[in-house]
């Protein structure tokens, strides 16, 4: 399950404004590469919507089936707002609903058979 935690206004390349929903996945334990200690985190992803602002406000807190998954991407630089540190990444986090997950699993299964 994912939860709508927030929404944000964005602007497209052609200047059109729209809202994205900020989705948060479940809590998972992670081991720190630096300290070796365990901590808990949850991943977030933004998803474009066709909703107006009042609709976005009304669905904050709503839950939907699905999860946040790591997707490989072209390498890019990302600046951490809190520290100003620039890091190189080659992935992004995306929302995947249960239907899409089943389709992906089926495609993988079929490709292994052939």
PDB file of N, CA and C in Angstrom:
ATOM      1  N   UNK A   1       0.836  -1.187   0.000  1.00  0.00           N
ATOM      2  CA  UNK A   1       0.000   0.000   0.000  1.00  0.00           C
ATOM      3  C   UNK A   1       0.883   1.253   0.000  1.00  0.00           C
ATOM      4  N   UNK A   2       0.378   2.279  -0.649  1.00  0.00           N
ATOM      5  CA  UNK A   2       1.033   3.586  -0.604  1.00  0.00           C
ATOM      6  C   UNK A   2       0.028   4.594  -0.065  1.00  0.00           C
ATOM      7  N   UNK A   3       0.558   5.653   0.513  1.00  0.00           N
ATOM      8  CA  UNK A   3      -0.273   6.702   1.092  1.00  0.00           C
ATOM      9  C   UNK A   3       0.044   8.024   0.417  1.00  0.00           C
ATOM     10  N   UNK A   4      -1.005   8.787   0.094  1.00  0.00           N
ATOM     11  CA  UNK A   4      -0.806  10.135  -0.448  1.00  0.00           C
ATOM     12  C   UNK A   4      -0.412  11.018   0.724  1.00  0.00           C
ATOM     13  N   UNK A   5       0.851  11.472   0.749  1.00  0.00           N
ATOM     14  CA  UNK A   5       1.363  12.268   1.861  1.00  0.00           C
ATOM     15  C   UNK A   5       1.243  13.768   1.623  1.00  0.00           C
ATOM     16  N   UNK A   6       1.262  14.183   0.346  1.00  0.00           N
ATOM     17  CA  UNK A   6       1.276  15.607   0.030  1.00  0.00           C
ATOM     18  C   UNK A   6       0.991  15.763  -1.456  1.00  0.00           C
ATOM     19  N   UNK A   7       0.986  16.980  -1.909  1.00  0.00           N
ATOM     20  CA  UNK A   7       0.909  17.287  -3.334  1.00  0.00           C
ATOM     21  C   UNK A   7       1.738  18.536  -3.572  1.00  0.00           C
ATOM     22  N   UNK A   8       2.190  18.703  -4.807  1.00  0.00           N
ATOM     23  CA  UNK A   8       3.009  19.860  -5.159  1.00  0.00           C
ATOM     24  C   UNK A   8       2.607  20.355  -6.534  1.00  0.00           C
ATOM     25  N   UNK A   9       2.715  21.663  -6.726  1.00  0.00           N
ATOM     26  CA  UNK A   9       2.446  22.219  -8.049  1.00  0.00           C
ATOM     27  C   UNK A   9       3.737  22.213  -8.856  1.00  0.00           C
ATOM     28  N   UNK A  10       3.640  21.792 -10.107  1.00  0.00           N
ATOM     29  CA  UNK A  10       4.783  21.768 -11.009  1.00  0.00           C
ATOM     30  C   UNK A  10       4.415  22.515 -12.288  1.00  0.00           C
ATOM     31  N   UNK A  11       5.428  22.770 -13.086  1.00  0.00           N
ATOM     32  CA  UNK A  11       5.197  23.440 -14.367  1.00  0.00           C
ATOM     33  C   UNK A  11       5.832  22.613 -15.474  1.00  0.00           C
ATOM     34  N   UNK A  12       5.066  22.355 -16.533  1.00  0.00           N
ATOM     35  CA  UNK A  12       5.581  21.573 -17.659  1.00  0.00           C
ATOM     36  C   UNK A  12       6.531  22.424 -18.490  1.00  0.00           C
ATOM     37  N   UNK A  13       7.218  21.788 -19.431  1.00  0.00           N
ATOM     38  CA  UNK A  13       8.168  22.496 -20.290  1.00  0.00           C
ATOM     39  C   UNK A  13       7.503  23.602 -21.089  1.00  0.00           C
ATOM     40  N   UNK A  14       6.224  23.426 -21.410  1.00  0.00           N
ATOM     41  CA  UNK A  14       5.515  24.459 -22.177  1.00  0.00           C
ATOM     42  C   UNK A  14       4.815  25.493 -21.280  1.00  0.00           C
ATOM     43  N   UNK A  15       5.115  25.456 -19.973  1.00  0.00           N
ATOM     44  CA  UNK A  15       4.611  26.473 -19.056  1.00  0.00           C
ATOM     45  C   UNK A  15       3.273  26.170 -18.407  1.00  0.00           C
ATOM     46  N   UNK A  16       2.685  25.017 -18.691  1.00  0.00           N
ATOM     47  CA  UNK A  16       1.391  24.662 -18.108  1.00  0.00           C
ATOM     48  C   UNK A  16       1.585  24.139 -16.689  1.00  0.00           C
ATOM     49  N   UNK A  17       0.783  24.635 -15.753  1.00  0.00           N
ATOM     50  CA  UNK A  17       0.883  24.210 -14.354  1.00  0.00           C
ATOM     51  C   UNK A  17      -0.028  23.010 -14.102  1.00  0.00           C
ATOM     52  N   UNK A  18       0.458  22.102 -13.248  1.00  0.00           N
ATOM     53  CA  UNK A  18      -0.292  20.912 -12.879  1.00  0.00           C
ATOM     54  C   UNK A  18       0.158  20.466 -11.494  1.00  0.00           C
ATOM     55  N   UNK A  19      -0.560  19.515 -10.904  1.00  0.00           N
ATOM     56  CA  UNK A  19      -0.234  19.014  -9.570  1.00  0.00           C
ATOM     57  C   UNK A  19       0.259  17.583  -9.640  1.00  0.00           C
ATOM     58  N   UNK A  20       1.254  17.284  -8.812  1.00  0.00           N
ATOM     59  CA  UNK A  20       1.707  15.904  -8.625  1.00  0.00           C
ATOM     60  C   UNK A  20       1.345  15.481  -7.208  1.00  0.00           C
ATOM     61  N   UNK A  21       1.041  14.200  -7.066  1.00  0.00           N
ATOM     62  CA  UNK A  21       0.786  13.644  -5.743  1.00  0.00           C
ATOM     63  C   UNK A  21       2.082  13.049  -5.224  1.00  0.00           C
ATOM     64  N   UNK A  22       2.367  13.270  -3.952  1.00  0.00           N
ATOM     65  CA  UNK A  22       3.551  12.691  -3.309  1.00  0.00           C
ATOM     66  C   UNK A  22       3.085  11.431  -2.591  1.00  0.00           C
ATOM     67  N   UNK A  23       3.554  10.279  -3.090  1.00  0.00           N
ATOM     68  CA  UNK A  23       3.168   8.991  -2.522  1.00  0.00           C
ATOM     69  C   UNK A  23       4.291   8.442  -1.665  1.00  0.00           C
ATOM     70  N   UNK A  24       3.923   7.813  -0.552  1.00  0.00           N
ATOM     71  CA  UNK A  24       4.911   7.216   0.341  1.00  0.00           C
ATOM     72  C   UNK A  24       4.598   5.741   0.508  1.00  0.00           C
ATOM     73  N   UNK A  25       5.634   4.905   0.358  1.00  0.00           N
ATOM     74  CA  UNK A  25       5.478   3.464   0.518  1.00  0.00           C
ATOM     75  C   UNK A  25       5.581   3.047   1.969  1.00  0.00           C
ATOM     76  N   UNK A  26       5.605   1.758   2.192  1.00  0.00           N
ATOM     77  CA  UNK A  26       5.692   1.208   3.542  1.00  0.00           C
ATOM     78  C   UNK A  26       7.072   1.379   4.152  1.00  0.00           C
ATOM     79  N   UNK A  27       7.142   1.140   5.435  1.00  0.00           N
ATOM     80  CA  UNK A  27       8.391   1.259   6.189  1.00  0.00           C
ATOM     81  C   UNK A  27       9.241   0.014   5.949  1.00  0.00           C
ATOM     82  N   UNK A  28      10.556   0.237   5.751  1.00  0.00           N
ATOM     83  CA  UNK A  28      11.464  -0.905   5.586  1.00  0.00           C
ATOM     84  C   UNK A  28      12.785  -0.637   6.298  1.00  0.00           C
ATOM     85  N   UNK A  29      13.386  -1.701   6.846  1.00  0.00           N
ATOM     86  CA  UNK A  29      14.685  -1.547   7.519  1.00  0.00           C
ATOM     87  C   UNK A  29      15.807  -1.474   6.482  1.00  0.00           C
ATOM     88  N   UNK A  30      16.820  -0.641   6.764  1.00  0.00           N
ATOM     89  CA  UNK A  30      17.971  -0.465   5.869  1.00  0.00           C
ATOM     90  C   UNK A  30      19.223  -0.423   6.730  1.00  0.00           C
ATOM     91  N   UNK A  31      20.309  -1.002   6.207  1.00  0.00           N
ATOM     92  CA  UNK A  31      21.586  -0.953   6.915  1.00  0.00           C
ATOM     93  C   UNK A  31      22.435   0.155   6.307  1.00  0.00           C
ATOM     94  N   UNK A  32      22.949   1.047   7.138  1.00  0.00           N
ATOM     95  CA  UNK A  32      23.768   2.166   6.691  1.00  0.00           C
ATOM     96  C   UNK A  32      25.102   1.672   6.139  1.00  0.00           C
ATOM     97  N   UNK A  33      25.479   2.170   4.951  1.00  0.00           N
ATOM     98  CA  UNK A  33      26.783   1.835   4.369  1.00  0.00           C
ATOM     99  C   UNK A  33      27.922   2.453   5.173  1.00  0.00           C
ATOM    100  N   UNK A  34      27.671   3.617   5.780  1.00  0.00           N
ATOM    101  CA  UNK A  34      28.717   4.320   6.532  1.00  0.00           C
ATOM    102  C   UNK A  34      28.948   3.728   7.913  1.00  0.00           C
ATOM    103  N   UNK A  35      27.849   3.537   8.667  1.00  0.00           N
ATOM    104  CA  UNK A  35      27.995   3.128  10.068  1.00  0.00           C
ATOM    105  C   UNK A  35      27.737   1.644  10.305  1.00  0.00           C
ATOM    106  N   UNK A  36      27.061   0.983   9.370  1.00  0.00           N
ATOM    107  CA  UNK A  36      26.706  -0.422   9.564  1.00  0.00           C
ATOM    108  C   UNK A  36      25.498  -0.616  10.464  1.00  0.00           C
ATOM    109  N   UNK A  37      24.913   0.475  10.936  1.00  0.00           N
ATOM    110  CA  UNK A  37      23.750   0.400  11.829  1.00  0.00           C
ATOM    111  C   UNK A  37      22.457   0.353  11.027  1.00  0.00           C
ATOM    112  N   UNK A  38      21.454  -0.247  11.630  1.00  0.00           N
ATOM    113  CA  UNK A  38      20.138  -0.342  10.989  1.00  0.00           C
ATOM    114  C   UNK A  38      19.323   0.916  11.283  1.00  0.00           C
ATOM    115  N   UNK A  39      18.503   1.308  10.323  1.00  0.00           N
ATOM    116  CA  UNK A  39      17.525   2.373  10.515  1.00  0.00           C
ATOM    117  C   UNK A  39      16.313   2.069   9.654  1.00  0.00           C
ATOM    118  N   UNK A  40      15.217   2.770   9.898  1.00  0.00           N
ATOM    119  CA  UNK A  40      13.988   2.555   9.135  1.00  0.00           C
ATOM    120  C   UNK A  40      13.744   3.741   8.219  1.00  0.00           C
ATOM    121  N   UNK A  41      13.222   3.438   7.048  1.00  0.00           N
ATOM    122  CA  UNK A  41      12.933   4.481   6.077  1.00  0.00           C
ATOM    123  C   UNK A  41      11.724   4.075   5.244  1.00  0.00           C
ATOM    124  N   UNK A  42      11.211   4.995   4.484  1.00  0.00           N
ATOM    125  CA  UNK A  42      10.185   4.683   3.495  1.00  0.00           C
ATOM    126  C   UNK A  42      10.467   5.536   2.269  1.00  0.00           C
ATOM    127  N   UNK A  43      10.225   4.976   1.121  1.00  0.00           N
ATOM    128  CA  UNK A  43      10.515   5.656  -0.140  1.00  0.00           C
ATOM    129  C   UNK A  43       9.306   6.477  -0.579  1.00  0.00           C
ATOM    130  N   UNK A  44       9.590   7.558  -1.281  1.00  0.00           N
ATOM    131  CA  UNK A  44       8.522   8.392  -1.820  1.00  0.00           C
ATOM    132  C   UNK A  44       8.711   8.543  -3.327  1.00  0.00           C
ATOM    133  N   UNK A  45       7.619   8.833  -4.003  1.00  0.00           N
ATOM    134  CA  UNK A  45       7.640   9.095  -5.438  1.00  0.00           C
ATOM    135  C   UNK A  45       6.541  10.105  -5.737  1.00  0.00           C
ATOM    136  N   UNK A  46       6.736  10.886  -6.783  1.00  0.00           N
ATOM    137  CA  UNK A  46       5.689  11.806  -7.216  1.00  0.00           C
ATOM    138  C   UNK A  46       5.050  11.263  -8.487  1.00  0.00           C
ATOM    139  N   UNK A  47       3.729  11.460  -8.590  1.00  0.00           N
ATOM    140  CA  UNK A  47       2.966  10.982  -9.734  1.00  0.00           C
ATOM    141  C   UNK A  47       2.118  12.143 -10.254  1.00  0.00           C
ATOM    142  N   UNK A  48       2.204  12.459 -11.546  1.00  0.00           N
ATOM    143  CA  UNK A  48       1.394  13.551 -12.098  1.00  0.00           C
ATOM    144  C   UNK A  48      -0.098  13.251 -11.959  1.00  0.00           C
ATOM    145  N   UNK A  49      -0.896  14.295 -11.840  1.00  0.00           N
ATOM    146  CA  UNK A  49      -2.345  14.117 -11.752  1.00  0.00           C
ATOM    147  C   UNK A  49      -3.045  15.138 -12.644  1.00  0.00           C
ATOM    148  N   UNK A  50      -4.324  14.911 -12.848  1.00  0.00           N
ATOM    149  CA  UNK A  50      -5.157  15.873 -13.577  1.00  0.00           C
ATOM    150  C   UNK A  50      -6.063  16.631 -12.608  1.00  0.00           C
ATOM    151  N   UNK A  51      -5.825  16.463 -11.308  1.00  0.00           N
ATOM    152  CA  UNK A  51      -6.679  17.058 -10.279  1.00  0.00           C
ATOM    153  C   UNK A  51      -6.394  18.542 -10.085  1.00  0.00           C
ATOM    154  N   UNK A  52      -7.428  19.262  -9.632  1.00  0.00           N
ATOM    155  CA  UNK A  52      -7.205  20.642  -9.198  1.00  0.00           C
ATOM    156  C   UNK A  52      -6.705  20.606  -7.753  1.00  0.00           C
ATOM    157  N   UNK A  53      -6.339  21.761  -7.220  1.00  0.00           N
ATOM    158  CA  UNK A  53      -5.734  21.797  -5.889  1.00  0.00           C
ATOM    159  C   UNK A  53      -6.668  21.297  -4.803  1.00  0.00           C
ATOM    160  N   UNK A  54      -7.965  21.637  -4.878  1.00  0.00           N
ATOM    161  CA  UNK A  54      -8.880  21.203  -3.820  1.00  0.00           C
ATOM    162  C   UNK A  54      -9.048  19.685  -3.815  1.00  0.00           C
ATOM    163  N   UNK A  55      -9.030  19.066  -4.978  1.00  0.00           N
ATOM    164  CA  UNK A  55      -9.104  17.601  -5.039  1.00  0.00           C
ATOM    165  C   UNK A  55      -7.842  16.987  -4.439  1.00  0.00           C
ATOM    166  N   UNK A  56      -6.680  17.552  -4.783  1.00  0.00           N
ATOM    167  CA  UNK A  56      -5.426  17.059  -4.209  1.00  0.00           C
ATOM    168  C   UNK A  56      -5.454  17.154  -2.688  1.00  0.00           C
ATOM    169  N   UNK A  57      -5.939  18.289  -2.152  1.00  0.00           N
ATOM    170  CA  UNK A  57      -6.033  18.453  -0.698  1.00  0.00           C
ATOM    171  C   UNK A  57      -6.927  17.387  -0.090  1.00  0.00           C
ATOM    172  N   UNK A  58      -8.020  17.068  -0.773  1.00  0.00           N
ATOM    173  CA  UNK A  58      -8.991  16.134  -0.200  1.00  0.00           C
ATOM    174  C   UNK A  58      -8.508  14.690  -0.171  1.00  0.00           C
ATOM    175  N   UNK A  59      -7.538  14.336  -1.009  1.00  0.00           N
ATOM    176  CA  UNK A  59      -7.091  12.934  -1.006  1.00  0.00           C
ATOM    177  C   UNK A  59      -5.781  12.704  -0.246  1.00  0.00           C
ATOM    178  N   UNK A  60      -5.228  13.752   0.352  1.00  0.00           N
ATOM    179  CA  UNK A  60      -4.066  13.542   1.222  1.00  0.00           C
ATOM    180  C   UNK A  60      -4.497  12.610   2.354  1.00  0.00           C
ATOM    181  N   UNK A  61      -3.736  11.557   2.558  1.00  0.00           N
ATOM    182  CA  UNK A  61      -4.070  10.543   3.563  1.00  0.00           C
ATOM    183  C   UNK A  61      -4.708   9.300   2.963  1.00  0.00           C
ATOM    184  N   UNK A  62      -5.181   9.386   1.726  1.00  0.00           N
ATOM    185  CA  UNK A  62      -5.792   8.217   1.074  1.00  0.00           C
ATOM    186  C   UNK A  62      -4.728   7.165   0.796  1.00  0.00           C
ATOM    187  N   UNK A  63      -5.151   5.901   0.812  1.00  0.00           N
ATOM    188  CA  UNK A  63      -4.229   4.799   0.541  1.00  0.00           C
ATOM    189  C   UNK A  63      -4.671   4.064  -0.717  1.00  0.00           C
ATOM    190  N   UNK A  64      -3.670   3.581  -1.464  1.00  0.00           N
ATOM    191  CA  UNK A  64      -3.922   2.854  -2.708  1.00  0.00           C
ATOM    192  C   UNK A  64      -3.058   1.601  -2.734  1.00  0.00           C
ATOM    193  N   UNK A  65      -3.526   0.551  -3.425  1.00  0.00           N
ATOM    194  CA  UNK A  65      -2.675  -0.626  -3.581  1.00  0.00           C
ATOM    195  C   UNK A  65      -1.462  -0.283  -4.441  1.00  0.00           C
ATOM    196  N   UNK A  66      -0.363  -0.906  -4.167  1.00  0.00           N
ATOM    197  CA  UNK A  66       0.837  -0.672  -4.952  1.00  0.00           C
ATOM    198  C   UNK A  66       2.035  -0.470  -4.047  1.00  0.00           C
ATOM    199  N   UNK A  67       3.161  -0.095  -4.689  1.00  0.00           N
ATOM    200  CA  UNK A  67       4.392   0.113  -3.926  1.00  0.00           C
ATOM    201  C   UNK A  67       5.298   1.071  -4.684  1.00  0.00           C
ATOM    202  N   UNK A  68       6.339   1.527  -4.010  1.00  0.00           N
ATOM    203  CA  UNK A  68       7.349   2.397  -4.608  1.00  0.00           C
ATOM    204  C   UNK A  68       8.530   1.497  -4.972  1.00  0.00           C
ATOM    205  N   UNK A  69       8.932   1.522  -6.246  1.00  0.00           N
ATOM    206  CA  UNK A  69      10.001   0.644  -6.712  1.00  0.00           C
ATOM    207  C   UNK A  69      11.164   1.460  -7.272  1.00  0.00           C
ATOM    208  N   UNK A  70      12.348   0.876  -7.184  1.00  0.00           N
ATOM    209  CA  UNK A  70      13.567   1.495  -7.708  1.00  0.00           C
ATOM    210  C   UNK A  70      13.673   1.166  -9.197  1.00  0.00           C
ATOM    211  N   UNK A  71      13.856   2.208 -10.024  1.00  0.00           N
ATOM    212  CA  UNK A  71      13.963   2.035 -11.471  1.00  0.00           C
ATOM    213  C   UNK A  71      15.286   2.631 -11.929  1.00  0.00           C
ATOM    214  N   UNK A  72      16.070   1.847 -12.656  1.00  0.00           N
ATOM    215  CA  UNK A  72      17.347   2.338 -13.173  1.00  0.00           C
ATOM    216  C   UNK A  72      17.093   3.449 -14.187  1.00  0.00           C
ATOM    217  N   UNK A  73      17.994   4.431 -14.230  1.00  0.00           N
ATOM    218  CA  UNK A  73      17.852   5.557 -15.152  1.00  0.00           C
ATOM    219  C   UNK A  73      19.236   5.995 -15.633  1.00  0.00           C
ATOM    220  N   UNK A  74      19.247   6.934 -16.550  1.00  0.00           N
ATOM    221  CA  UNK A  74      20.508   7.526 -16.973  1.00  0.00           C
ATOM    222  C   UNK A  74      21.115   8.240 -15.761  1.00  0.00           C
ATOM    223  N   UNK A  75      22.424   8.219 -15.594  1.00  0.00           N
ATOM    224  CA  UNK A  75      23.051   8.909 -14.453  1.00  0.00           C
ATOM    225  C   UNK A  75      22.738  10.416 -14.472  1.00  0.00           C
ATOM    226  N   UNK A  76      22.538  10.962 -13.283  1.00  0.00           N
ATOM    227  CA  UNK A  76      22.269  12.389 -13.141  1.00  0.00           C
ATOM    228  C   UNK A  76      22.773  12.867 -11.789  1.00  0.00           C
ATOM    229  N   UNK A  77      22.934  14.187 -11.665  1.00  0.00           N
ATOM    230  CA  UNK A  77      23.356  14.784 -10.385  1.00  0.00           C
ATOM    231  C   UNK A  77      22.130  15.239  -9.622  1.00  0.00           C
ATOM    232  N   UNK A  78      22.191  15.070  -8.304  1.00  0.00           N
ATOM    233  CA  UNK A  78      21.101  15.479  -7.419  1.00  0.00           C
ATOM    234  C   UNK A  78      21.703  16.224  -6.237  1.00  0.00           C
ATOM    235  N   UNK A  79      21.118  17.379  -5.904  1.00  0.00           N
ATOM    236  CA  UNK A  79      21.598  18.156  -4.767  1.00  0.00           C
ATOM    237  C   UNK A  79      20.704  17.904  -3.561  1.00  0.00           C
ATOM    238  N   UNK A  80      21.299  17.476  -2.455  1.00  0.00           N
ATOM    239  CA  UNK A  80      20.557  17.266  -1.212  1.00  0.00           C
ATOM    240  C   UNK A  80      20.285  18.639  -0.604  1.00  0.00           C
ATOM    241  N   UNK A  81      19.000  18.999  -0.493  1.00  0.00           N
ATOM    242  CA  UNK A  81      18.609  20.343  -0.042  1.00  0.00           C
ATOM    243  C   UNK A  81      19.191  20.710   1.313  1.00  0.00           C
ATOM    244  N   UNK A  82      19.127  19.770   2.252  1.00  0.00           N
ATOM    245  CA  UNK A  82      19.534  20.063   3.627  1.00  0.00           C
ATOM    246  C   UNK A  82      21.025  20.348   3.765  1.00  0.00           C
ATOM    247  N   UNK A  83      21.854  19.678   2.961  1.00  0.00           N
ATOM    248  CA  UNK A  83      23.305  19.812   3.130  1.00  0.00           C
ATOM    249  C   UNK A  83      23.995  20.525   1.967  1.00  0.00           C
ATOM    250  N   UNK A  84      23.324  20.606   0.823  1.00  0.00           N
ATOM    251  CA  UNK A  84      23.942  21.193  -0.361  1.00  0.00           C
ATOM    252  C   UNK A  84      24.871  20.222  -1.075  1.00  0.00           C
ATOM    253  N   UNK A  85      25.005  19.015  -0.552  1.00  0.00           N
ATOM    254  CA  UNK A  85      25.878  18.011  -1.160  1.00  0.00           C
ATOM    255  C   UNK A  85      25.302  17.560  -2.503  1.00  0.00           C
ATOM    256  N   UNK A  86      26.168  17.453  -3.515  1.00  0.00           N
ATOM    257  CA  UNK A  86      25.768  16.973  -4.834  1.00  0.00           C
ATOM    258  C   UNK A  86      26.185  15.512  -4.951  1.00  0.00           C
ATOM    259  N   UNK A  87      25.214  14.644  -5.279  1.00  0.00           N
ATOM    260  CA  UNK A  87      25.495  13.221  -5.418  1.00  0.00           C
ATOM    261  C   UNK A  87      25.124  12.766  -6.830  1.00  0.00           C
ATOM    262  N   UNK A  88      25.798  11.740  -7.321  1.00  0.00           N
ATOM    263  CA  UNK A  88      25.505  11.154  -8.627  1.00  0.00           C
ATOM    264  C   UNK A  88      24.607   9.943  -8.428  1.00  0.00           C
ATOM    265  N   UNK A  89      23.477   9.915  -9.129  1.00  0.00           N
ATOM    266  CA  UNK A  89      22.531   8.819  -9.012  1.00  0.00           C
ATOM    267  C   UNK A  89      22.282   8.202 -10.382  1.00  0.00           C
ATOM    268  N   UNK A  90      21.852   6.952 -10.398  1.00  0.00           N
ATOM    269  CA  UNK A  90      21.493   6.287 -11.649  1.00  0.00           C
ATOM    270  C   UNK A  90      20.189   5.508 -11.477  1.00  0.00           C
ATOM    271  N   UNK A  91      19.329   6.021 -10.612  1.00  0.00           N
ATOM    272  CA  UNK A  91      18.022   5.414 -10.400  1.00  0.00           C
ATOM    273  C   UNK A  91      17.035   6.496  -9.952  1.00  0.00           C
ATOM    274  N   UNK A  92      15.755   6.140  -9.990  1.00  0.00           N
ATOM    275  CA  UNK A  92      14.699   6.992  -9.454  1.00  0.00           C
ATOM    276  C   UNK A  92      13.673   6.062  -8.809  1.00  0.00           C
ATOM    277  N   UNK A  93      12.788   6.639  -8.026  1.00  0.00           N
ATOM    278  CA  UNK A  93      11.746   5.858  -7.355  1.00  0.00           C
ATOM    279  C   UNK A  93      10.421   6.150  -8.028  1.00  0.00           C
ATOM    280  N   UNK A  94       9.665   5.095  -8.403  1.00  0.00           N
ATOM    281  CA  UNK A  94       8.393   5.237  -9.097  1.00  0.00           C
ATOM    282  C   UNK A  94       7.312   4.426  -8.396  1.00  0.00           C
ATOM    283  N   UNK A  95       6.071   4.904  -8.554  1.00  0.00           N
ATOM    284  CA  UNK A  95       4.912   4.166  -8.064  1.00  0.00           C
ATOM    285  C   UNK A  95       4.591   3.055  -9.052  1.00  0.00           C
ATOM    286  N   UNK A  96       4.331   1.858  -8.534  1.00  0.00           N
ATOM    287  CA  UNK A  96       3.891   0.732  -9.365  1.00  0.00           C
ATOM    288  C   UNK A  96       2.649   0.146  -8.714  1.00  0.00           C
ATOM    289  N   UNK A  97       1.548   0.125  -9.472  1.00  0.00           N
ATOM    290  CA  UNK A  97       0.337  -0.463  -8.895  1.00  0.00           C
ATOM    291  C   UNK A  97       0.386  -1.982  -9.040  1.00  0.00           C
ATOM    292  N   UNK A  98      -0.516  -2.678  -8.360  1.00  0.00           N
ATOM    293  CA  UNK A  98      -0.488  -4.135  -8.337  1.00  0.00           C
ATOM    294  C   UNK A  98      -0.708  -4.738  -9.726  1.00  0.00           C
ATOM    295  N   UNK A  99      -1.548  -4.123 -10.553  1.00  0.00           N
ATOM    296  CA  UNK A  99      -1.812  -4.642 -11.898  1.00  0.00           C
ATOM    297  C   UNK A  99      -0.539  -4.578 -12.734  1.00  0.00           C
ATOM    298  N   UNK A 100       0.167  -3.450 -12.687  1.00  0.00           N
ATOM    299  CA  UNK A 100       1.420  -3.292 -13.437  1.00  0.00           C
ATOM    300  C   UNK A 100       2.450  -4.314 -12.962  1.00  0.00           C
ATOM    301  N   UNK A 101       2.484  -4.553 -11.651  1.00  0.00           N
ATOM    302  CA  UNK A 101       3.431  -5.534 -11.094  1.00  0.00           C
ATOM    303  C   UNK A 101       3.148  -6.927 -11.646  1.00  0.00           C
ATOM    304  N   UNK A 102       1.858  -7.305 -11.729  1.00  0.00           N
ATOM    305  CA  UNK A 102       1.494  -8.612 -12.269  1.00  0.00           C
ATOM    306  C   UNK A 102       1.892  -8.726 -13.733  1.00  0.00           C
ATOM    307  N   UNK A 103       1.684  -7.656 -14.511  1.00  0.00           N
ATOM    308  CA  UNK A 103       2.061  -7.661 -15.929  1.00  0.00           C
ATOM    309  C   UNK A 103       3.569  -7.816 -16.057  1.00  0.00           C
ATOM    310  N   UNK A 104       4.338  -7.082 -15.259  1.00  0.00           N
ATOM    311  CA  UNK A 104       5.798  -7.171 -15.303  1.00  0.00           C
ATOM    312  C   UNK A 104       6.252  -8.580 -14.969  1.00  0.00           C
ATOM    313  N   UNK A 105       5.665  -9.189 -13.939  1.00  0.00           N
ATOM    314  CA  UNK A 105       6.032 -10.543 -13.558  1.00  0.00           C
ATOM    315  C   UNK A 105       5.708 -11.530 -14.674  1.00  0.00           C
ATOM    316  N   UNK A 106       4.569 -11.358 -15.333  1.00  0.00           N
ATOM    317  CA  UNK A 106       4.166 -12.244 -16.428  1.00  0.00           C
ATOM    318  C   UNK A 106       5.137 -12.117 -17.594  1.00  0.00           C
ATOM    319  N   UNK A 107       5.514 -10.900 -17.949  1.00  0.00           N
ATOM    320  CA  UNK A 107       6.455 -10.687 -19.048  1.00  0.00           C
ATOM    321  C   UNK A 107       7.787 -11.345 -18.730  1.00  0.00           C
ATOM    322  N   UNK A 108       8.259 -11.184 -17.519  1.00  0.00           N
ATOM    323  CA  UNK A 108       9.526 -11.809 -17.121  1.00  0.00           C
ATOM    324  C   UNK A 108       9.388 -13.329 -17.188  1.00  0.00           C
ATOM    325  N   UNK A 109       8.293 -13.869 -16.678  1.00  0.00           N
ATOM    326  CA  UNK A 109       8.096 -15.312 -16.691  1.00  0.00           C
ATOM    327  C   UNK A 109       8.073 -15.845 -18.119  1.00  0.00           C
ATOM    328  N   UNK A 110       7.358 -15.181 -19.020  1.00  0.00           N
ATOM    329  CA  UNK A 110       7.276 -15.615 -20.405  1.00  0.00           C
ATOM    330  C   UNK A 110       8.636 -15.558 -21.095  1.00  0.00           C
ATOM    331  N   UNK A 111       9.427 -14.524 -20.785  1.00  0.00           N
ATOM    332  CA  UNK A 111      10.738 -14.409 -21.430  1.00  0.00           C
ATOM    333  C   UNK A 111      11.694 -15.497 -20.952  1.00  0.00           C
ATOM    334  N   UNK A 112      11.519 -15.978 -19.735  1.00  0.00           N
ATOM    335  CA  UNK A 112      12.365 -17.055 -19.226  1.00  0.00           C
ATOM    336  C   UNK A 112      12.016 -18.389 -19.881  1.00  0.00           C
ATOM    337  N   UNK A 113      10.758 -18.557 -20.260  1.00  0.00           N
ATOM    338  CA  UNK A 113      10.289 -19.795 -20.862  1.00  0.00           C
ATOM    339  C   UNK A 113      10.810 -19.924 -22.285  1.00  0.00           C
ATOM    340  N   UNK A 114      10.847 -18.840 -23.029  1.00  0.00           N
ATOM    341  CA  UNK A 114      11.234 -18.899 -24.452  1.00  0.00           C
ATOM    342  C   UNK A 114      12.697 -18.904 -24.622  1.00  0.00           C
TER     343      UNK A 114
END
